[in-house]
N, C-alpha and C. Protein backbone atom coordinates (compact mmCIF):
# COMPACT_ATOMS: atom_id res chain seq x y z
N MET A 1 -40.86 14.06 17.22
CA MET A 1 -41.36 14.91 16.17
C MET A 1 -40.30 15.13 15.09
N ARG A 2 -39.05 15.42 15.53
CA ARG A 2 -37.98 15.62 14.57
C ARG A 2 -37.70 14.36 13.76
N ALA A 3 -37.71 13.23 14.46
CA ALA A 3 -37.44 11.97 13.77
C ALA A 3 -38.49 11.71 12.70
N ALA A 4 -39.74 11.99 13.02
CA ALA A 4 -40.81 11.80 12.03
C ALA A 4 -40.62 12.73 10.84
N MET A 5 -40.19 13.96 11.12
CA MET A 5 -39.97 14.93 10.05
C MET A 5 -38.82 14.48 9.14
N VAL A 6 -37.75 14.00 9.75
CA VAL A 6 -36.60 13.52 8.98
C VAL A 6 -36.99 12.30 8.16
N LEU A 7 -37.71 11.37 8.78
CA LEU A 7 -38.12 10.17 8.07
C LEU A 7 -39.07 10.49 6.92
N TRP A 8 -39.75 11.62 6.99
CA TRP A 8 -40.64 12.01 5.90
C TRP A 8 -39.88 12.79 4.83
N LEU A 9 -38.93 13.63 5.23
CA LEU A 9 -38.23 14.49 4.28
C LEU A 9 -37.16 13.76 3.47
N VAL A 10 -36.46 12.82 4.07
CA VAL A 10 -35.37 12.14 3.36
C VAL A 10 -35.88 11.39 2.13
N PRO A 11 -36.91 10.56 2.23
CA PRO A 11 -37.38 9.89 1.01
C PRO A 11 -37.91 10.88 -0.03
N VAL A 12 -38.53 11.96 0.41
CA VAL A 12 -39.03 12.96 -0.53
C VAL A 12 -37.87 13.61 -1.26
N ALA A 13 -36.80 13.94 -0.54
CA ALA A 13 -35.64 14.57 -1.16
C ALA A 13 -34.94 13.62 -2.12
N VAL A 14 -34.82 12.36 -1.73
CA VAL A 14 -34.17 11.38 -2.60
C VAL A 14 -35.01 11.14 -3.84
N TYR A 15 -36.31 11.06 -3.68
CA TYR A 15 -37.20 10.82 -4.82
C TYR A 15 -37.17 12.00 -5.79
N GLY A 16 -37.06 13.19 -5.26
CA GLY A 16 -37.08 14.38 -6.09
C GLY A 16 -35.74 14.68 -6.76
N ALA A 17 -34.68 14.04 -6.34
CA ALA A 17 -33.37 14.29 -6.93
C ALA A 17 -33.32 13.73 -8.35
N GLU A 18 -32.59 14.44 -9.20
CA GLU A 18 -32.45 13.96 -10.57
C GLU A 18 -31.46 12.80 -10.61
N PRO A 19 -31.76 11.78 -11.37
CA PRO A 19 -30.80 10.67 -11.47
C PRO A 19 -29.55 11.13 -12.21
N ARG A 20 -28.41 10.66 -11.74
CA ARG A 20 -27.13 11.02 -12.35
C ARG A 20 -26.58 9.83 -13.09
N SER A 21 -26.07 10.08 -14.24
CA SER A 21 -25.43 9.01 -15.00
C SER A 21 -23.97 8.91 -14.58
N PRO A 22 -23.33 7.78 -14.82
CA PRO A 22 -21.90 7.66 -14.48
C PRO A 22 -21.04 8.70 -15.19
N GLU A 23 -21.45 9.16 -16.37
CA GLU A 23 -20.69 10.16 -17.09
C GLU A 23 -20.69 11.50 -16.34
N ASP A 24 -21.77 11.78 -15.61
CA ASP A 24 -21.84 13.03 -14.86
C ASP A 24 -20.93 12.99 -13.63
N ALA A 25 -20.78 11.84 -13.04
CA ALA A 25 -20.01 11.72 -11.80
C ALA A 25 -18.52 11.60 -12.05
N TRP A 26 -18.11 11.11 -13.21
CA TRP A 26 -16.70 10.87 -13.50
C TRP A 26 -16.13 12.06 -14.25
N PRO A 27 -15.03 12.68 -13.76
CA PRO A 27 -14.44 13.82 -14.47
C PRO A 27 -14.01 13.43 -15.89
N ALA A 28 -14.30 14.28 -16.84
CA ALA A 28 -14.01 13.98 -18.25
C ALA A 28 -12.52 13.86 -18.52
N SER A 29 -11.69 14.54 -17.72
CA SER A 29 -10.25 14.50 -17.96
C SER A 29 -9.60 13.22 -17.43
N TRP A 30 -10.30 12.45 -16.63
CA TRP A 30 -9.74 11.21 -16.08
C TRP A 30 -9.98 10.07 -17.05
N LYS A 31 -8.94 9.27 -17.23
CA LYS A 31 -9.06 8.10 -18.10
C LYS A 31 -9.83 7.00 -17.37
N ARG A 32 -10.70 6.34 -18.09
CA ARG A 32 -11.45 5.23 -17.50
C ARG A 32 -10.59 3.97 -17.49
N ILE A 33 -10.93 3.06 -16.60
CA ILE A 33 -10.21 1.79 -16.52
C ILE A 33 -10.63 0.91 -17.68
N GLY A 34 -9.64 0.41 -18.39
CA GLY A 34 -9.92 -0.42 -19.56
C GLY A 34 -9.72 -1.89 -19.27
N PRO A 35 -9.82 -2.73 -20.29
CA PRO A 35 -9.67 -4.17 -20.10
C PRO A 35 -8.27 -4.57 -19.66
N VAL A 36 -7.25 -3.84 -20.11
CA VAL A 36 -5.87 -4.18 -19.71
C VAL A 36 -5.69 -3.94 -18.21
N GLU A 37 -6.16 -2.80 -17.73
CA GLU A 37 -6.04 -2.51 -16.30
C GLU A 37 -6.87 -3.49 -15.47
N THR A 38 -8.05 -3.83 -15.96
CA THR A 38 -8.91 -4.78 -15.26
C THR A 38 -8.23 -6.13 -15.14
N ALA A 39 -7.61 -6.59 -16.24
CA ALA A 39 -6.90 -7.87 -16.22
C ALA A 39 -5.70 -7.81 -15.28
N ALA A 40 -4.98 -6.68 -15.27
CA ALA A 40 -3.82 -6.54 -14.38
C ALA A 40 -4.25 -6.58 -12.92
N ILE A 41 -5.32 -5.88 -12.58
CA ILE A 41 -5.81 -5.88 -11.20
C ILE A 41 -6.27 -7.28 -10.80
N GLY A 42 -6.99 -7.95 -11.69
CA GLY A 42 -7.43 -9.32 -11.41
C GLY A 42 -6.26 -10.27 -11.25
N GLY A 43 -5.24 -10.13 -12.11
CA GLY A 43 -4.05 -10.98 -12.01
C GLY A 43 -3.29 -10.76 -10.72
N LEU A 44 -3.15 -9.50 -10.32
CA LEU A 44 -2.47 -9.21 -9.06
C LEU A 44 -3.25 -9.76 -7.87
N GLY A 45 -4.56 -9.61 -7.91
CA GLY A 45 -5.39 -10.16 -6.83
C GLY A 45 -5.31 -11.67 -6.76
N LEU A 46 -5.36 -12.31 -7.92
CA LEU A 46 -5.25 -13.77 -7.96
C LEU A 46 -3.88 -14.23 -7.49
N GLY A 47 -2.83 -13.51 -7.91
CA GLY A 47 -1.48 -13.86 -7.46
C GLY A 47 -1.33 -13.72 -5.95
N ALA A 48 -1.88 -12.65 -5.39
CA ALA A 48 -1.81 -12.47 -3.94
C ALA A 48 -2.58 -13.56 -3.21
N LEU A 49 -3.73 -13.93 -3.74
CA LEU A 49 -4.51 -15.00 -3.13
C LEU A 49 -3.77 -16.34 -3.20
N LEU A 50 -3.18 -16.64 -4.35
CA LEU A 50 -2.42 -17.88 -4.48
C LEU A 50 -1.21 -17.91 -3.55
N LEU A 51 -0.51 -16.78 -3.43
CA LEU A 51 0.62 -16.73 -2.50
C LEU A 51 0.17 -16.98 -1.07
N GLU A 52 -0.97 -16.45 -0.73
CA GLU A 52 -1.48 -16.62 0.64
C GLU A 52 -1.91 -18.05 0.91
N VAL A 53 -2.51 -18.70 -0.07
CA VAL A 53 -3.09 -20.03 0.14
C VAL A 53 -2.09 -21.14 -0.16
N VAL A 54 -1.33 -21.02 -1.24
CA VAL A 54 -0.50 -22.12 -1.72
C VAL A 54 0.89 -22.13 -1.09
N VAL A 55 1.55 -20.99 -1.05
CA VAL A 55 2.94 -20.93 -0.58
C VAL A 55 2.95 -20.90 0.94
N LYS A 56 3.65 -21.84 1.53
CA LYS A 56 3.75 -21.91 2.99
C LYS A 56 5.09 -21.33 3.44
N ALA A 57 5.05 -20.53 4.49
CA ALA A 57 6.26 -19.95 5.04
C ALA A 57 7.04 -21.03 5.78
N PRO A 58 8.37 -20.93 5.78
CA PRO A 58 9.16 -21.92 6.52
C PRO A 58 8.89 -21.80 8.03
N SER A 59 8.98 -22.91 8.72
CA SER A 59 8.71 -22.88 10.16
C SER A 59 9.84 -22.20 10.92
N ASN A 60 11.06 -22.34 10.43
CA ASN A 60 12.21 -21.69 11.06
C ASN A 60 12.86 -20.75 10.06
N ALA A 61 13.06 -19.51 10.48
CA ALA A 61 13.72 -18.55 9.60
C ALA A 61 15.19 -18.91 9.47
N ARG A 62 15.75 -18.64 8.30
CA ARG A 62 17.16 -18.97 8.05
C ARG A 62 17.93 -17.68 7.82
N TRP A 63 18.38 -17.08 8.89
CA TRP A 63 19.14 -15.85 8.81
C TRP A 63 20.59 -16.10 9.22
N ASP A 64 21.20 -17.11 8.65
CA ASP A 64 22.58 -17.42 9.02
C ASP A 64 23.60 -16.78 8.08
N SER A 65 23.15 -16.07 7.08
CA SER A 65 24.08 -15.38 6.17
C SER A 65 23.44 -14.07 5.73
N PRO A 66 24.27 -13.07 5.42
CA PRO A 66 23.72 -11.79 4.99
C PRO A 66 23.04 -11.89 3.63
N ILE A 67 22.12 -10.99 3.38
CA ILE A 67 21.40 -11.00 2.10
C ILE A 67 21.92 -9.89 1.20
N LEU A 68 21.78 -10.09 -0.08
CA LEU A 68 22.15 -9.14 -1.13
C LEU A 68 23.55 -8.58 -0.92
N PHE A 69 23.67 -7.30 -0.65
CA PHE A 69 24.98 -6.65 -0.57
C PHE A 69 25.30 -6.16 0.83
N ASP A 70 24.76 -6.79 1.85
CA ASP A 70 24.98 -6.34 3.23
C ASP A 70 26.46 -6.34 3.60
N ASP A 71 27.17 -7.42 3.31
CA ASP A 71 28.59 -7.49 3.66
C ASP A 71 29.38 -6.39 2.97
N SER A 72 29.15 -6.19 1.70
CA SER A 72 29.89 -5.17 0.95
C SER A 72 29.61 -3.78 1.51
N ALA A 73 28.35 -3.47 1.77
CA ALA A 73 28.00 -2.16 2.32
C ALA A 73 28.59 -1.98 3.71
N ARG A 74 28.53 -3.00 4.54
CA ARG A 74 29.08 -2.91 5.88
C ARG A 74 30.58 -2.68 5.84
N ASN A 75 31.28 -3.41 4.97
CA ASN A 75 32.73 -3.25 4.86
C ASN A 75 33.10 -1.88 4.31
N ALA A 76 32.32 -1.35 3.38
CA ALA A 76 32.63 -0.04 2.80
C ALA A 76 32.36 1.08 3.80
N LEU A 77 31.37 0.93 4.65
CA LEU A 77 31.01 1.99 5.58
C LEU A 77 31.70 1.89 6.94
N ARG A 78 32.31 0.77 7.23
CA ARG A 78 32.94 0.56 8.53
C ARG A 78 34.23 1.38 8.63
N ALA A 79 34.42 2.04 9.76
CA ALA A 79 35.66 2.77 10.01
C ALA A 79 36.77 1.78 10.28
N GLY A 80 37.94 2.06 9.72
CA GLY A 80 39.05 1.11 9.83
C GLY A 80 39.83 1.20 11.12
N SER A 81 39.70 2.28 11.87
CA SER A 81 40.50 2.44 13.08
C SER A 81 39.59 2.72 14.27
N ALA A 82 40.18 2.60 15.46
CA ALA A 82 39.43 2.88 16.68
C ALA A 82 39.07 4.36 16.74
N THR A 83 39.95 5.22 16.25
CA THR A 83 39.67 6.65 16.25
C THR A 83 38.48 6.96 15.33
N GLY A 84 38.45 6.33 14.18
CA GLY A 84 37.34 6.53 13.25
C GLY A 84 36.02 6.06 13.84
N ARG A 85 36.05 4.92 14.53
CA ARG A 85 34.83 4.42 15.16
C ARG A 85 34.38 5.34 16.29
N SER A 86 35.34 5.91 17.02
CA SER A 86 35.02 6.84 18.09
C SER A 86 34.38 8.11 17.52
N ARG A 87 34.93 8.61 16.41
CA ARG A 87 34.35 9.80 15.77
C ARG A 87 32.93 9.50 15.27
N ALA A 88 32.75 8.33 14.71
CA ALA A 88 31.42 7.95 14.23
C ALA A 88 30.43 7.84 15.39
N ALA A 89 30.88 7.31 16.52
CA ALA A 89 30.02 7.20 17.69
C ALA A 89 29.63 8.57 18.20
N THR A 90 30.59 9.50 18.22
CA THR A 90 30.30 10.87 18.66
C THR A 90 29.35 11.56 17.69
N ALA A 91 29.59 11.39 16.38
CA ALA A 91 28.74 12.04 15.38
C ALA A 91 27.32 11.49 15.43
N SER A 92 27.16 10.22 15.76
CA SER A 92 25.82 9.63 15.77
C SER A 92 25.00 10.09 16.98
N ASP A 93 25.65 10.70 17.96
CA ASP A 93 24.93 11.21 19.12
C ASP A 93 24.15 12.49 18.81
N PHE A 94 24.49 13.15 17.71
CA PHE A 94 23.84 14.42 17.38
C PHE A 94 22.65 14.23 16.53
């Protein structure tokens, strides 16, 4: 009985609702997407698709050397003495 009532009321409610225009649903203070944004989104999507399809990942990773500034950062942050390394080990426990 309830199912029949719902199946009867839902179409009636939808039919009786006033149609809304896109202007009613979109807040007036929000900027609409323009052609520049549309082109940028399409370009990013196309670029991602091309990267996925065209560019193949190497079969073996090549991690035999540090990247960017790893060596410099490691050397700058490394403690120079055994005492300094011991203090750093103790401090990292907290």
